[in-house]
C-alpha atoms as a PDB file:
ATOM      1  CA  UNK A   1       8.106 -32.649   4.362  1.00  0.00           C
ATOM      2  CA  UNK A   2       5.037 -32.121   6.849  1.00  0.00           C
ATOM      3  CA  UNK A   3       5.481 -29.497   9.805  1.00  0.00           C
ATOM      4  CA  UNK A   4       5.663 -32.242  12.367  1.00  0.00           C
ATOM      5  CA  UNK A   5       8.645 -33.373  10.621  1.00  0.00           C
ATOM      6  CA  UNK A   6      10.417 -30.212  10.631  1.00  0.00           C
ATOM      7  CA  UNK A   7       9.480 -29.490  14.280  1.00  0.00           C
ATOM      8  CA  UNK A   8      10.855 -33.036  15.074  1.00  0.00           C
ATOM      9  CA  UNK A   9      13.974 -32.193  13.372  1.00  0.00           C
ATOM     10  CA  UNK A  10      14.529 -28.378  14.535  1.00  0.00           C
ATOM     11  CA  UNK A  11      12.941 -28.949  17.912  1.00  0.00           C
ATOM     12  CA  UNK A  12       9.741 -27.147  19.194  1.00  0.00           C
ATOM     13  CA  UNK A  13      11.889 -24.288  21.161  1.00  0.00           C
ATOM     14  CA  UNK A  14      10.839 -20.685  19.703  1.00  0.00           C
ATOM     15  CA  UNK A  15      13.586 -17.903  19.697  1.00  0.00           C
ATOM     16  CA  UNK A  16      12.566 -14.670  20.935  1.00  0.00           C
ATOM     17  CA  UNK A  17      14.409 -11.124  20.611  1.00  0.00           C
ATOM     18  CA  UNK A  18      13.793  -7.716  21.948  1.00  0.00           C
ATOM     19  CA  UNK A  19      13.136  -4.450  20.260  1.00  0.00           C
ATOM     20  CA  UNK A  20      16.065  -2.621  21.575  1.00  0.00           C
ATOM     21  CA  UNK A  21      18.657  -5.666  20.057  1.00  0.00           C
ATOM     22  CA  UNK A  22      20.735  -4.707  17.137  1.00  0.00           C
ATOM     23  CA  UNK A  23      20.151  -6.185  13.724  1.00  0.00           C
ATOM     24  CA  UNK A  24      23.687  -7.591  13.968  1.00  0.00           C
ATOM     25  CA  UNK A  25      23.027  -9.383  17.173  1.00  0.00           C
ATOM     26  CA  UNK A  26      19.588 -10.827  15.961  1.00  0.00           C
ATOM     27  CA  UNK A  27      21.493 -11.948  12.646  1.00  0.00           C
ATOM     28  CA  UNK A  28      24.163 -13.469  14.846  1.00  0.00           C
ATOM     29  CA  UNK A  29      21.501 -15.400  17.441  1.00  0.00           C
ATOM     30  CA  UNK A  30      19.791 -16.584  13.798  1.00  0.00           C
ATOM     31  CA  UNK A  31      23.297 -17.981  12.726  1.00  0.00           C
ATOM     32  CA  UNK A  32      23.977 -19.336  15.959  1.00  0.00           C
ATOM     33  CA  UNK A  33      20.446 -21.267  16.170  1.00  0.00           C
ATOM     34  CA  UNK A  34      20.374 -22.426  12.423  1.00  0.00           C
ATOM     35  CA  UNK A  35      17.028 -20.398  11.957  1.00  0.00           C
ATOM     36  CA  UNK A  36      15.693 -17.763   9.873  1.00  0.00           C
ATOM     37  CA  UNK A  37      13.172 -15.981  11.925  1.00  0.00           C
ATOM     38  CA  UNK A  38      13.118 -14.736  15.543  1.00  0.00           C
ATOM     39  CA  UNK A  39       9.676 -13.792  17.412  1.00  0.00           C
ATOM     40  CA  UNK A  40       9.920  -9.864  18.716  1.00  0.00           C
ATOM     41  CA  UNK A  41       8.603  -9.545  22.032  1.00  0.00           C
ATOM     42  CA  UNK A  42       7.997  -6.436  24.143  1.00  0.00           C
ATOM     43  CA  UNK A  43       7.135  -6.432  27.780  1.00  0.00           C
ATOM     44  CA  UNK A  44       6.063 -10.134  27.358  1.00  0.00           C
ATOM     45  CA  UNK A  45       3.890  -9.348  24.386  1.00  0.00           C
ATOM     46  CA  UNK A  46       4.476 -10.524  20.836  1.00  0.00           C
ATOM     47  CA  UNK A  47       4.868  -7.842  18.519  1.00  0.00           C
ATOM     48  CA  UNK A  48       6.406  -9.218  15.328  1.00  0.00           C
ATOM     49  CA  UNK A  49       8.586 -11.402  13.645  1.00  0.00           C
ATOM     50  CA  UNK A  50      12.177 -10.516  12.174  1.00  0.00           C
ATOM     51  CA  UNK A  51      13.128 -12.647   9.259  1.00  0.00           C
ATOM     52  CA  UNK A  52      16.261 -12.769   7.387  1.00  0.00           C
ATOM     53  CA  UNK A  53      14.675 -11.043   4.709  1.00  0.00           C
ATOM     54  CA  UNK A  54      13.838  -8.146   6.877  1.00  0.00           C
ATOM     55  CA  UNK A  55      17.865  -7.851   7.396  1.00  0.00           C
ATOM     56  CA  UNK A  56      18.388  -7.971   3.717  1.00  0.00           C
ATOM     57  CA  UNK A  57      16.069  -5.310   3.067  1.00  0.00           C
ATOM     58  CA  UNK A  58      17.225  -3.123   5.749  1.00  0.00           C
ATOM     59  CA  UNK A  59      20.818  -3.757   4.677  1.00  0.00           C
ATOM     60  CA  UNK A  60      19.667  -3.075   1.287  1.00  0.00           C
ATOM     61  CA  UNK A  61      17.894   0.572   2.457  1.00  0.00           C
ATOM     62  CA  UNK A  62      20.453   1.474   5.080  1.00  0.00           C
ATOM     63  CA  UNK A  63      23.684   0.203   4.002  1.00  0.00           C
ATOM     64  CA  UNK A  64      26.411  -0.944   6.530  1.00  0.00           C
ATOM     65  CA  UNK A  65      24.087   1.196   9.344  1.00  0.00           C
ATOM     66  CA  UNK A  66      21.873  -1.330   9.230  1.00  0.00           C
ATOM     67  CA  UNK A  67      23.608  -3.981  11.696  1.00  0.00           C
ATOM     68  CA  UNK A  68      23.644  -0.882  14.210  1.00  0.00           C
ATOM     69  CA  UNK A  69      20.156  -0.068  14.201  1.00  0.00           C
ATOM     70  CA  UNK A  70      17.809  -1.726  16.324  1.00  0.00           C
ATOM     71  CA  UNK A  71      14.966  -4.248  15.658  1.00  0.00           C
ATOM     72  CA  UNK A  72      12.519  -1.777  16.668  1.00  0.00           C
ATOM     73  CA  UNK A  73      13.418   0.475  13.373  1.00  0.00           C
ATOM     74  CA  UNK A  74      12.452  -2.536  11.028  1.00  0.00           C
ATOM     75  CA  UNK A  75       9.812  -4.764  12.528  1.00  0.00           C
ATOM     76  CA  UNK A  76       6.231  -3.984  11.497  1.00  0.00           C
ATOM     77  CA  UNK A  77       4.124  -3.900  14.533  1.00  0.00           C
ATOM     78  CA  UNK A  78       0.906  -3.358  13.068  1.00  0.00           C
END
């Protein structure tokens, strides 16, 4: 499967999220759009990517409380 095939099937729209959104809302957005990652933006600037794996790691580290923390707590902005 080529990238072109994937983009033709999934679409070319990129979903973004802000740093102040909770992990729960981010996960809900991923599920709604059928995607595995969101581009993280801050004041119109790309600052990172939030993936399903990031959410799993946050839950492992913080337990149920992970769903209430914000994206800014788990996205590496370096």
